[in-house]
Amino acid sequence: MKRIHHTLVSDGISDANLIPIIDWTLKRVAGVALTQGVRAEFWRFPTKPEGLSEKIIQAIEHYPCDVLFVHRDAERQQPKERIEEIQNALATANLHGVRVPAVAVVPVRMLEAWLCFNEVAIRKAAGNPNGKQPLGLPDHKRVEARPDPKNDLKKALLAASELRGRRLKKFNTAAAFWRIVDYIDDFSPLCQLPAYRAFELAVGRMKQSGWKPGFHG
C-alpha cells in the first residue's frame, strides 16, 4: 500500500506516543509511503466500551482504518500472555464484523522503555538541549529488564532540565514526556529490543500476506 490510515487502541492517552513509532515501522518495514494514524479516544464515545473486544469494535466504528494496532503494556505479565489476550479480543470482534488486518504492540514492560534511548531528544523535551548533567539512563539493550522504565524516564527528564528548588518541583514531566517523540526521527535503536523486534516481524508478515484481514501475531 502507498498510503495507510491506521487506528491505535490503547489504555492511556500518553500511548499516542506510539504513533510515530508505528509510522516509522510501516515506512521502513512495509514500504508504506504515507501514513496517518489516530488513537481511539474512548472518552468521546456516547457509551464507554467495556473490555478489549468492545474497545476494538467501537474503535473501528468511530475510526475506520486500513490497519488496526492494539497496544497493551506487558507490565508484570509475559508478552505472550498479552498477545494472546489481544488475539482473543480480535477474534471476538471479528464475530461482530471487524474485518481489518491487526497487529499487537506490546512493549516490555511499558511504553517508556521504548523512549529511553535518545539522550538528545530527552534534553530537548526537558527544555535544556545544551545541558551536560548526566541523565542516568539505563543501558538500552537491558531496559526491558528494568522494573520501572517510567520512573527511569521521569528521573532522566528531571536531570535533563537541570532545574533546582521550586522550579524543579514545578517542572511538568508529563508534558515533557509528550515532547520526546517530536525530537526523534530515527527509531532504529529499538531494533535491539526483543519486544520491538516481535512487533516489527508482525508488521512484515502483515505486508507479506497482502494486508490480509485478521490478526498478524
C-alpha atoms as a PDB file:
ATOM      1  CA  MET A   1       0.000   0.000   0.000  1.00  0.00           C
ATOM      2  CA  LYS A   2       1.186   3.513  -0.754  1.00  0.00           C
ATOM      3  CA  ARG A   3      -0.932   5.129   1.954  1.00  0.00           C
ATOM      4  CA  ILE A   4      -2.121   3.703   5.258  1.00  0.00           C
ATOM      5  CA  HIS A   5      -4.724   5.034   7.669  1.00  0.00           C
ATOM      6  CA  HIS A   6      -4.295   3.251  10.983  1.00  0.00           C
ATOM      7  CA  THR A   7      -6.058   3.305  14.325  1.00  0.00           C
ATOM      8  CA  LEU A   8      -4.424   2.645  17.687  1.00  0.00           C
ATOM      9  CA  VAL A   9      -6.376   1.022  20.518  1.00  0.00           C
ATOM     10  CA  SER A  10      -4.678   1.588  23.863  1.00  0.00           C
ATOM     11  CA  ASP A  11      -5.346   2.222  27.537  1.00  0.00           C
ATOM     12  CA  GLY A  12      -3.815   5.628  28.244  1.00  0.00           C
ATOM     13  CA  ILE A  13      -3.731   8.978  26.460  1.00  0.00           C
ATOM     14  CA  SER A  14       0.075   9.054  26.529  1.00  0.00           C
ATOM     15  CA  ASP A  15       0.128   5.851  24.461  1.00  0.00           C
ATOM     16  CA  ALA A  16      -0.484   8.067  21.430  1.00  0.00           C
ATOM     17  CA  ASN A  17       3.302   8.468  21.519  1.00  0.00           C
ATOM     18  CA  LEU A  18       3.381   5.045  19.850  1.00  0.00           C
ATOM     19  CA  ILE A  19       2.001   6.511  16.619  1.00  0.00           C
ATOM     20  CA  PRO A  20       5.342   7.964  15.387  1.00  0.00           C
ATOM     21  CA  ILE A  21       6.977   4.584  16.109  1.00  0.00           C
ATOM     22  CA  ILE A  22       4.228   2.779  14.190  1.00  0.00           C
ATOM     23  CA  ASP A  23       4.566   5.238  11.295  1.00  0.00           C
ATOM     24  CA  TRP A  24       8.349   4.764  11.169  1.00  0.00           C
ATOM     25  CA  THR A  25       7.968   0.971  11.189  1.00  0.00           C
ATOM     26  CA  LEU A  26       5.330   0.938   8.452  1.00  0.00           C
ATOM     27  CA  LYS A  27       7.555   3.036   6.214  1.00  0.00           C
ATOM     28  CA  ARG A  28      10.731   1.072   6.882  1.00  0.00           C
ATOM     29  CA  VAL A  29       9.410  -2.493   7.087  1.00  0.00           C
ATOM     30  CA  ALA A  30       6.268  -2.380   4.958  1.00  0.00           C
ATOM     31  CA  GLY A  31       7.331   0.189   2.375  1.00  0.00           C
ATOM     32  CA  VAL A  32       4.390   2.497   3.070  1.00  0.00           C
ATOM     33  CA  ALA A  33       4.983   5.945   1.617  1.00  0.00           C
ATOM     34  CA  LEU A  34       2.369   7.873   3.600  1.00  0.00           C
ATOM     35  CA  THR A  35       0.834   7.110   6.986  1.00  0.00           C
ATOM     36  CA  GLN A  36      -1.890   8.724   9.023  1.00  0.00           C
ATOM     37  CA  GLY A  37      -2.528   7.375  12.482  1.00  0.00           C
ATOM     38  CA  VAL A  38      -5.003   8.223  15.193  1.00  0.00           C
ATOM     39  CA  ARG A  39      -5.562   6.939  18.715  1.00  0.00           C
ATOM     40  CA  ALA A  40      -9.122   5.898  19.542  1.00  0.00           C
ATOM     41  CA  GLU A  41     -10.348   8.420  22.120  1.00  0.00           C
ATOM     42  CA  PHE A  42     -12.852   6.336  24.044  1.00  0.00           C
ATOM     43  CA  TRP A  43     -13.866   9.177  26.347  1.00  0.00           C
ATOM     44  CA  ARG A  44     -15.509  10.813  23.316  1.00  0.00           C
ATOM     45  CA  PHE A  45     -17.833   7.870  22.670  1.00  0.00           C
ATOM     46  CA  PRO A  46     -21.525   8.038  23.736  1.00  0.00           C
ATOM     47  CA  THR A  47     -21.128   4.710  25.539  1.00  0.00           C
ATOM     48  CA  LYS A  48     -17.797   3.836  27.124  1.00  0.00           C
ATOM     49  CA  PRO A  49     -16.680   0.385  25.897  1.00  0.00           C
ATOM     50  CA  GLU A  50     -16.063  -2.341  28.439  1.00  0.00           C
ATOM     51  CA  GLY A  51     -13.357  -4.889  27.736  1.00  0.00           C
ATOM     52  CA  LEU A  52     -10.791  -5.027  24.966  1.00  0.00           C
ATOM     53  CA  SER A  53     -13.006  -6.604  22.308  1.00  0.00           C
ATOM     54  CA  GLU A  54     -15.631  -3.884  22.792  1.00  0.00           C
ATOM     55  CA  LYS A  55     -12.912  -1.234  22.509  1.00  0.00           C
ATOM     56  CA  ILE A  56     -11.789  -2.747  19.215  1.00  0.00           C
ATOM     57  CA  ILE A  57     -15.351  -2.874  17.848  1.00  0.00           C
ATOM     58  CA  GLN A  58     -16.079   0.740  18.755  1.00  0.00           C
ATOM     59  CA  ALA A  59     -12.665   1.946  17.591  1.00  0.00           C
ATOM     60  CA  ILE A  60     -13.305   0.564  14.108  1.00  0.00           C
ATOM     61  CA  GLU A  61     -16.819   2.029  14.095  1.00  0.00           C
ATOM     62  CA  HIS A  62     -15.650   5.546  15.023  1.00  0.00           C
ATOM     63  CA  TYR A  63     -12.199   5.485  13.403  1.00  0.00           C
ATOM     64  CA  PRO A  64     -12.356   3.382  10.193  1.00  0.00           C
ATOM     65  CA  CYS A  65      -8.891   2.366   9.056  1.00  0.00           C
ATOM     66  CA  ASP A  66      -6.753   0.189   6.810  1.00  0.00           C
ATOM     67  CA  VAL A  67      -4.846  -1.341   9.730  1.00  0.00           C
ATOM     68  CA  LEU A  68      -5.571  -1.684  13.434  1.00  0.00           C
ATOM     69  CA  PHE A  69      -2.878  -1.634  16.117  1.00  0.00           C
ATOM     70  CA  VAL A  70      -3.755  -2.852  19.599  1.00  0.00           C
ATOM     71  CA  HIS A  71      -1.438  -1.809  22.416  1.00  0.00           C
ATOM     72  CA  ARG A  72      -1.072  -3.339  25.850  1.00  0.00           C
ATOM     73  CA  ASP A  73       1.935  -2.899  28.123  1.00  0.00           C
ATOM     74  CA  ALA A  74       3.345  -6.229  29.252  1.00  0.00           C
ATOM     75  CA  GLU A  75       3.921  -4.824  32.768  1.00  0.00           C
ATOM     76  CA  ARG A  76       4.239  -7.832  35.092  1.00  0.00           C
ATOM     77  CA  GLN A  77       2.908 -10.359  32.586  1.00  0.00           C
ATOM     78  CA  GLN A  78       4.741 -12.215  29.868  1.00  0.00           C
ATOM     79  CA  PRO A  79       4.384 -10.594  26.423  1.00  0.00           C
ATOM     80  CA  LYS A  80       2.953 -13.870  25.118  1.00  0.00           C
ATOM     81  CA  GLU A  81       0.035 -13.577  27.542  1.00  0.00           C
ATOM     82  CA  ARG A  82      -0.745 -10.032  26.395  1.00  0.00           C
ATOM     83  CA  ILE A  83      -0.555 -11.058  22.746  1.00  0.00           C
ATOM     84  CA  GLU A  84      -2.937 -13.954  23.360  1.00  0.00           C
ATOM     85  CA  GLU A  85      -5.285 -11.546  25.155  1.00  0.00           C
ATOM     86  CA  ILE A  86      -5.246  -9.252  22.121  1.00  0.00           C
ATOM     87  CA  GLN A  87      -5.694 -12.165  19.707  1.00  0.00           C
ATOM     88  CA  ASN A  88      -8.723 -13.433  21.622  1.00  0.00           C
ATOM     89  CA  ALA A  89     -10.273  -9.966  21.743  1.00  0.00           C
ATOM     90  CA  LEU A  90      -9.788  -9.598  17.995  1.00  0.00           C
ATOM     91  CA  ALA A  91     -11.419 -12.992  17.402  1.00  0.00           C
ATOM     92  CA  THR A  92     -14.468 -11.816  19.339  1.00  0.00           C
ATOM     93  CA  ALA A  93     -14.502  -8.513  17.443  1.00  0.00           C
ATOM     94  CA  ASN A  94     -14.305 -10.450  14.173  1.00  0.00           C
ATOM     95  CA  LEU A  95     -17.604 -12.126  15.042  1.00  0.00           C
ATOM     96  CA  HIS A  96     -19.080  -8.627  15.197  1.00  0.00           C
ATOM     97  CA  GLY A  97     -17.882  -7.626  11.753  1.00  0.00           C
ATOM     98  CA  VAL A  98     -14.347  -6.296  12.355  1.00  0.00           C
ATOM     99  CA  ARG A  99     -12.509  -7.141   9.115  1.00  0.00           C
ATOM    100  CA  VAL A 100      -9.140  -5.395   9.073  1.00  0.00           C
ATOM    101  CA  PRO A 101      -5.522  -6.545   9.416  1.00  0.00           C
ATOM    102  CA  ALA A 102      -4.417  -6.115  13.035  1.00  0.00           C
ATOM    103  CA  VAL A 103      -1.127  -6.190  14.926  1.00  0.00           C
ATOM    104  CA  ALA A 104      -0.353  -6.263  18.646  1.00  0.00           C
ATOM    105  CA  VAL A 105       2.012  -3.671  20.138  1.00  0.00           C
ATOM    106  CA  VAL A 106       3.365  -4.960  23.461  1.00  0.00           C
ATOM    107  CA  PRO A 107       6.310  -3.015  24.917  1.00  0.00           C
ATOM    108  CA  VAL A 108       8.164  -4.569  27.854  1.00  0.00           C
ATOM    109  CA  ARG A 109       7.413  -3.510  30.477  1.00  0.00           C
ATOM    110  CA  MET A 110       5.787  -0.309  29.274  1.00  0.00           C
ATOM    111  CA  LEU A 111       5.947   2.274  26.501  1.00  0.00           C
ATOM    112  CA  GLU A 112       8.540   4.344  28.369  1.00  0.00           C
ATOM    113  CA  ALA A 113      11.080   1.545  27.834  1.00  0.00           C
ATOM    114  CA  TRP A 114      10.923   2.385  24.111  1.00  0.00           C
ATOM    115  CA  LEU A 115      11.741   6.065  24.718  1.00  0.00           C
ATOM    116  CA  CYS A 116      14.795   5.807  26.962  1.00  0.00           C
ATOM    117  CA  PHE A 117      17.360   5.573  24.174  1.00  0.00           C
ATOM    118  CA  ASN A 118      17.681   9.110  22.816  1.00  0.00           C
ATOM    119  CA  GLU A 119      19.520  11.424  25.187  1.00  0.00           C
ATOM    120  CA  VAL A 120      19.381  14.368  22.767  1.00  0.00           C
ATOM    121  CA  ALA A 121      15.579  14.118  22.445  1.00  0.00           C
ATOM    122  CA  ILE A 122      15.173  13.870  26.228  1.00  0.00           C
ATOM    123  CA  ARG A 123      17.274  17.007  26.770  1.00  0.00           C
ATOM    124  CA  LYS A 124      15.292  18.912  24.136  1.00  0.00           C
ATOM    125  CA  ALA A 125      11.984  17.718  25.608  1.00  0.00           C
ATOM    126  CA  ALA A 126      13.148  18.964  29.005  1.00  0.00           C
ATOM    127  CA  GLY A 127      13.787  22.394  27.507  1.00  0.00           C
ATOM    128  CA  ASN A 128      17.534  22.286  28.047  1.00  0.00           C
ATOM    129  CA  PRO A 129      19.141  20.955  24.822  1.00  0.00           C
ATOM    130  CA  ASN A 130      22.670  22.058  25.744  1.00  0.00           C
ATOM    131  CA  GLY A 131      22.657  20.564  29.229  1.00  0.00           C
ATOM    132  CA  LYS A 132      25.564  18.469  30.470  1.00  0.00           C
ATOM    133  CA  GLN A 133      24.075  16.866  33.571  1.00  0.00           C
ATOM    134  CA  PRO A 134      24.328  13.032  33.358  1.00  0.00           C
ATOM    135  CA  LEU A 135      20.867  11.562  32.854  1.00  0.00           C
ATOM    136  CA  GLY A 136      21.437   8.143  34.391  1.00  0.00           C
ATOM    137  CA  LEU A 137      19.648   6.390  31.551  1.00  0.00           C
ATOM    138  CA  PRO A 138      19.661   2.585  31.769  1.00  0.00           C
ATOM    139  CA  ASP A 139      21.620   0.504  29.271  1.00  0.00           C
ATOM    140  CA  HIS A 140      19.248   0.482  26.325  1.00  0.00           C
ATOM    141  CA  LYS A 141      19.834  -3.181  25.496  1.00  0.00           C
ATOM    142  CA  ARG A 142      18.705  -4.095  29.029  1.00  0.00           C
ATOM    143  CA  VAL A 143      15.945  -1.518  29.512  1.00  0.00           C
ATOM    144  CA  GLU A 144      13.208  -4.140  29.152  1.00  0.00           C
ATOM    145  CA  ALA A 145      14.514  -5.805  32.299  1.00  0.00           C
ATOM    146  CA  ARG A 146      14.150  -2.619  34.337  1.00  0.00           C
ATOM    147  CA  PRO A 147      11.369  -2.775  36.967  1.00  0.00           C
ATOM    148  CA  ASP A 148      10.046   0.748  36.268  1.00  0.00           C
ATOM    149  CA  PRO A 149      11.077   2.387  32.951  1.00  0.00           C
ATOM    150  CA  LYS A 150       8.502   5.127  33.544  1.00  0.00           C
ATOM    151  CA  ASN A 151      10.361   6.235  36.651  1.00  0.00           C
ATOM    152  CA  ASP A 152      13.706   5.928  34.833  1.00  0.00           C
ATOM    153  CA  LEU A 153      12.455   8.299  32.152  1.00  0.00           C
ATOM    154  CA  LYS A 154      10.962  10.708  34.676  1.00  0.00           C
ATOM    155  CA  LYS A 155      14.278  10.928  36.536  1.00  0.00           C
ATOM    156  CA  ALA A 156      16.125  11.476  33.258  1.00  0.00           C
ATOM    157  CA  LEU A 157      13.810  14.348  32.307  1.00  0.00           C
ATOM    158  CA  LEU A 158      14.250  15.984  35.711  1.00  0.00           C
ATOM    159  CA  ALA A 159      18.021  15.647  35.460  1.00  0.00           C
ATOM    160  CA  ALA A 160      17.999  16.979  31.900  1.00  0.00           C
ATOM    161  CA  SER A 161      16.092  20.090  32.975  1.00  0.00           C
ATOM    162  CA  GLU A 162      18.956  20.992  35.383  1.00  0.00           C
ATOM    163  CA  LEU A 163      16.426  22.959  37.417  1.00  0.00           C
ATOM    164  CA  ARG A 164      16.705  23.406  41.151  1.00  0.00           C
ATOM    165  CA  GLY A 165      14.446  24.044  44.111  1.00  0.00           C
ATOM    166  CA  ARG A 166      10.974  25.406  43.445  1.00  0.00           C
ATOM    167  CA  ARG A 167      11.415  25.449  39.667  1.00  0.00           C
ATOM    168  CA  LEU A 168      12.287  21.756  39.705  1.00  0.00           C
ATOM    169  CA  LYS A 169       9.183  20.974  41.750  1.00  0.00           C
ATOM    170  CA  LYS A 170       7.048  22.780  39.166  1.00  0.00           C
ATOM    171  CA  PHE A 171       8.644  21.021  36.201  1.00  0.00           C
ATOM    172  CA  ASN A 172       5.961  19.143  34.246  1.00  0.00           C
ATOM    173  CA  THR A 173       7.472  15.758  33.417  1.00  0.00           C
ATOM    174  CA  ALA A 174       4.206  14.571  31.822  1.00  0.00           C
ATOM    175  CA  ALA A 175       4.272  17.410  29.296  1.00  0.00           C
ATOM    176  CA  ALA A 176       7.969  16.812  28.629  1.00  0.00           C
ATOM    177  CA  PHE A 177       7.266  13.133  28.006  1.00  0.00           C
ATOM    178  CA  TRP A 178       4.826  14.094  25.238  1.00  0.00           C
ATOM    179  CA  ARG A 179       7.554  16.118  23.524  1.00  0.00           C
ATOM    180  CA  ILE A 180      10.202  13.378  23.327  1.00  0.00           C
ATOM    181  CA  VAL A 181       8.916  11.737  20.134  1.00  0.00           C
ATOM    182  CA  ASP A 182       8.798  15.155  18.441  1.00  0.00           C
ATOM    183  CA  TYR A 183      12.593  15.150  18.504  1.00  0.00           C
ATOM    184  CA  ILE A 184      13.174  11.605  17.236  1.00  0.00           C
ATOM    185  CA  ASP A 185      13.391  10.871  13.520  1.00  0.00           C
ATOM    186  CA  ASP A 186      15.170   7.517  13.735  1.00  0.00           C
ATOM    187  CA  PHE A 187      13.859   4.760  15.982  1.00  0.00           C
ATOM    188  CA  SER A 188      16.373   2.148  14.800  1.00  0.00           C
ATOM    189  CA  PRO A 189      17.867   1.649  18.315  1.00  0.00           C
ATOM    190  CA  LEU A 190      14.581  -0.080  19.155  1.00  0.00           C
ATOM    191  CA  CYS A 191      15.680  -2.934  16.907  1.00  0.00           C
ATOM    192  CA  GLN A 192      17.896  -4.063  19.810  1.00  0.00           C
ATOM    193  CA  LEU A 193      14.813  -4.807  21.931  1.00  0.00           C
ATOM    194  CA  PRO A 194      13.052  -8.195  21.627  1.00  0.00           C
ATOM    195  CA  ALA A 195       9.577  -6.705  22.133  1.00  0.00           C
ATOM    196  CA  TYR A 196      10.057  -4.221  19.317  1.00  0.00           C
ATOM    197  CA  ARG A 197      11.539  -6.881  17.018  1.00  0.00           C
ATOM    198  CA  ALA A 198       8.420  -9.002  17.598  1.00  0.00           C
ATOM    199  CA  PHE A 199       6.267  -6.043  16.578  1.00  0.00           C
ATOM    200  CA  GLU A 200       8.467  -5.393  13.542  1.00  0.00           C
ATOM    201  CA  LEU A 201       8.205  -9.020  12.408  1.00  0.00           C
ATOM    202  CA  ALA A 202       4.420  -8.919  12.736  1.00  0.00           C
ATOM    203  CA  VAL A 203       4.247  -5.828  10.533  1.00  0.00           C
ATOM    204  CA  GLY A 204       6.457  -7.594   7.988  1.00  0.00           C
ATOM    205  CA  ARG A 205       4.205 -10.659   7.985  1.00  0.00           C
ATOM    206  CA  MET A 206       1.160  -8.458   7.529  1.00  0.00           C
ATOM    207  CA  LYS A 207       2.691  -6.949   4.411  1.00  0.00           C
ATOM    208  CA  GLN A 208       3.717 -10.368   3.081  1.00  0.00           C
ATOM    209  CA  SER A 209       0.129 -11.568   3.487  1.00  0.00           C
ATOM    210  CA  GLY A 210      -1.049  -8.805   1.185  1.00  0.00           C
ATOM    211  CA  TRP A 211      -2.603  -6.913   4.110  1.00  0.00           C
ATOM    212  CA  LYS A 212      -4.985  -9.779   4.733  1.00  0.00           C
ATOM    213  CA  PRO A 213      -7.667  -9.073   7.385  1.00  0.00           C
ATOM    214  CA  GLY A 214      -7.136 -10.795  10.695  1.00  0.00           C
ATOM    215  CA  PHE A 215      -4.520 -10.980  13.415  1.00  0.00           C
ATOM    216  CA  HIS A 216      -0.867 -10.924  12.416  1.00  0.00           C
ATOM    217  CA  GLY A 217       0.995 -12.105  15.504  1.00  0.00           C
END
